[in-house]
Amino acid sequence: MKAGVIFVSKKPLDTINLNNIRVYAYHGCLPEETKIGSDYRVDISVDANLDISAESDELCDTVDYVHLNKIVKEEMAIASKLLEHVAKRILDRIFAELEIVKKAKVKVAKVNPPLGGDVEDVNITLSKKRG
C-alpha cells in the first residue's frame, strides 16, 4: 500500500422485499376496467442501511414493512389509467415518508388482463434512487 493513500470501503445497502401484495383495484384505460375492477399484485424492494436496526432490535431504526404495505394499499385504491402512474405514486410516497430508504423498486402486475387471450399478467417495474 502506498503511503498517504486511504481506501474507503463503502458497505452495500441492505434490502427489504415485500412480495405478492394482492389488491383488488380499478385501474385501466377502458371504462369497464374502472367499473368492474381487477386483481393486482405488487412487489416492493427497498434498499437501506440496516446496521443500526440489526443491532438495536428496534422498529424505529428500520423500514417498517407494515408502513410499506399501507402505502401500497392506499395508492392502489386511487384509480389510474396506467400502471406506471400508480407505481410512481407508490415510489414518491416511500421516499417522502421513509427517510432511511435510499433506493426502491416497485413492480405492479395486472392479473389476467383483458387482452383477448390467455395472459397471466401484464406488469411494469419502476425504480427510484434518493439524491
Protein backbone atom coordinates (compact mmCIF):
# COMPACT_ATOMS: atom_id res chain seq x y z
CA MET A 1 0.00 0.00 0.00
CA LYS A 2 1.29 3.47 -0.88
CA ALA A 3 1.88 5.92 1.93
CA GLY A 4 -0.82 8.55 2.21
CA VAL A 5 -3.45 6.57 0.27
CA ILE A 6 -6.64 5.89 2.18
CA PHE A 7 -9.03 3.20 0.98
CA VAL A 8 -12.65 3.73 1.94
CA SER A 9 -14.84 0.66 1.87
CA LYS A 10 -18.45 1.58 1.16
CA LYS A 11 -20.81 -1.03 2.60
CA PRO A 12 -23.51 -2.11 0.17
CA LEU A 13 -27.07 -1.29 1.13
CA ASP A 14 -29.31 -3.92 2.68
CA THR A 15 -32.64 -4.94 1.13
CA ILE A 16 -36.18 -5.48 2.37
CA ASN A 17 -38.65 -7.12 -0.03
CA LEU A 18 -42.44 -7.33 0.12
CA ASN A 19 -43.64 -9.82 -2.48
CA ASN A 20 -47.01 -10.59 -3.94
CA ILE A 21 -49.12 -7.98 -2.16
CA ARG A 22 -52.57 -8.81 -3.51
CA VAL A 23 -55.02 -5.97 -4.14
CA TYR A 24 -58.34 -5.57 -5.95
CA ALA A 25 -58.34 -2.20 -7.73
CA TYR A 26 -59.86 -0.19 -10.58
CA HIS A 27 -57.03 0.80 -12.93
CA GLY A 28 -57.19 0.91 -16.71
CA CYS A 29 -58.00 2.92 -19.80
CA LEU A 30 -61.17 1.03 -20.69
CA PRO A 31 -64.38 2.17 -18.94
CA GLU A 32 -65.23 -1.40 -17.87
CA GLU A 33 -61.84 -1.74 -16.13
CA THR A 34 -62.62 1.21 -13.87
CA LYS A 35 -66.13 -0.11 -13.12
CA ILE A 36 -65.54 -3.85 -12.72
CA GLY A 37 -62.02 -3.78 -11.33
CA SER A 38 -59.31 -6.41 -11.41
CA ASP A 39 -56.82 -8.35 -9.34
CA TYR A 40 -53.33 -6.87 -8.98
CA ARG A 41 -50.06 -7.96 -7.44
CA VAL A 42 -47.43 -5.55 -6.16
CA ASP A 43 -43.80 -6.33 -5.27
CA ILE A 44 -41.61 -3.81 -3.46
CA SER A 45 -37.88 -3.86 -2.88
CA VAL A 46 -36.27 -1.13 -0.76
CA ASP A 47 -32.58 -0.61 -0.06
CA ALA A 48 -31.36 0.98 3.16
CA ASN A 49 -28.59 0.67 5.70
CA LEU A 50 -30.00 -1.75 8.30
CA ASP A 51 -26.91 -1.91 10.52
CA ILE A 52 -28.49 0.12 13.33
CA SER A 53 -31.73 -1.88 13.42
CA ALA A 54 -29.83 -5.17 13.24
CA GLU A 55 -28.03 -4.10 16.41
CA SER A 56 -30.82 -2.27 18.26
CA ASP A 57 -33.74 -4.63 17.52
CA GLU A 58 -36.00 -1.54 17.41
CA LEU A 59 -38.70 -0.95 14.78
CA CYS A 60 -37.99 2.79 14.74
CA ASP A 61 -34.48 2.05 13.36
CA THR A 62 -35.62 0.17 10.25
CA VAL A 63 -38.04 0.25 7.31
CA ASP A 64 -41.42 -0.79 8.69
CA TYR A 65 -42.90 -3.16 6.12
CA VAL A 66 -46.36 -2.57 7.62
CA HIS A 67 -45.91 1.07 6.57
CA LEU A 68 -44.86 -0.05 3.05
CA ASN A 69 -47.94 -2.27 2.78
CA LYS A 70 -50.18 0.62 3.89
CA ILE A 71 -48.71 2.88 1.18
CA VAL A 72 -49.40 0.22 -1.46
CA LYS A 73 -53.00 -0.36 -0.33
CA GLU A 74 -53.77 3.38 -0.20
CA GLU A 75 -52.23 4.21 -3.57
CA MET A 76 -53.75 1.18 -5.30
CA ALA A 77 -57.17 2.38 -4.07
CA ILE A 78 -56.82 5.54 -6.22
CA ALA A 79 -57.85 4.71 -9.80
CA SER A 80 -55.28 5.38 -12.52
CA LYS A 81 -55.34 4.78 -16.25
CA LEU A 82 -51.75 3.50 -16.29
CA LEU A 83 -49.85 1.14 -14.00
CA GLU A 84 -46.84 3.43 -14.37
CA HIS A 85 -48.79 6.23 -12.71
CA VAL A 86 -49.76 4.22 -9.64
CA ALA A 87 -46.22 2.78 -9.32
CA LYS A 88 -44.75 6.30 -9.40
CA ARG A 89 -47.15 7.42 -6.66
CA ILE A 90 -46.07 4.47 -4.52
CA LEU A 91 -42.39 5.32 -5.04
CA ASP A 92 -42.96 9.01 -4.32
CA ARG A 93 -44.66 8.19 -1.02
CA ILE A 94 -41.94 5.76 0.02
CA PHE A 95 -39.31 8.46 -0.44
CA ALA A 96 -41.44 11.17 1.19
CA GLU A 97 -42.32 9.10 4.26
CA LEU A 98 -39.31 6.83 4.85
CA GLU A 99 -36.06 8.79 5.05
CA ILE A 100 -33.99 5.63 5.66
CA VAL A 101 -34.80 4.30 2.15
CA LYS A 102 -32.05 5.06 -0.38
CA LYS A 103 -33.32 3.05 -3.37
CA ALA A 104 -36.63 1.41 -4.18
CA LYS A 105 -38.21 -0.67 -6.90
CA VAL A 106 -41.95 -1.25 -7.39
CA LYS A 107 -43.50 -3.84 -9.67
CA VAL A 108 -47.24 -3.62 -10.34
CA ALA A 109 -48.92 -6.51 -12.17
CA LYS A 110 -52.47 -6.67 -13.52
CA VAL A 111 -53.55 -10.30 -13.22
CA ASN A 112 -55.39 -11.81 -16.20
CA PRO A 113 -55.62 -8.54 -18.18
CA PRO A 114 -58.41 -8.10 -20.76
CA LEU A 115 -56.24 -8.67 -23.85
CA GLY A 116 -58.41 -11.20 -25.63
CA GLY A 117 -56.06 -14.09 -24.87
CA ASP A 118 -54.64 -16.26 -22.13
CA VAL A 119 -52.16 -13.91 -20.42
CA GLU A 120 -51.19 -14.50 -16.78
CA ASP A 121 -50.36 -10.86 -16.12
CA VAL A 122 -49.01 -7.66 -17.54
CA ASN A 123 -46.61 -5.75 -15.31
CA ILE A 124 -44.38 -2.72 -15.08
CA THR A 125 -41.41 -2.03 -12.84
CA LEU A 126 -40.24 1.44 -11.80
CA SER A 127 -37.15 2.27 -9.75
CA LYS A 128 -36.04 5.38 -7.90
CA LYS A 129 -32.90 6.43 -6.07
CA ARG A 130 -32.58 9.10 -3.39
CA GLY A 131 -30.34 12.04 -4.11
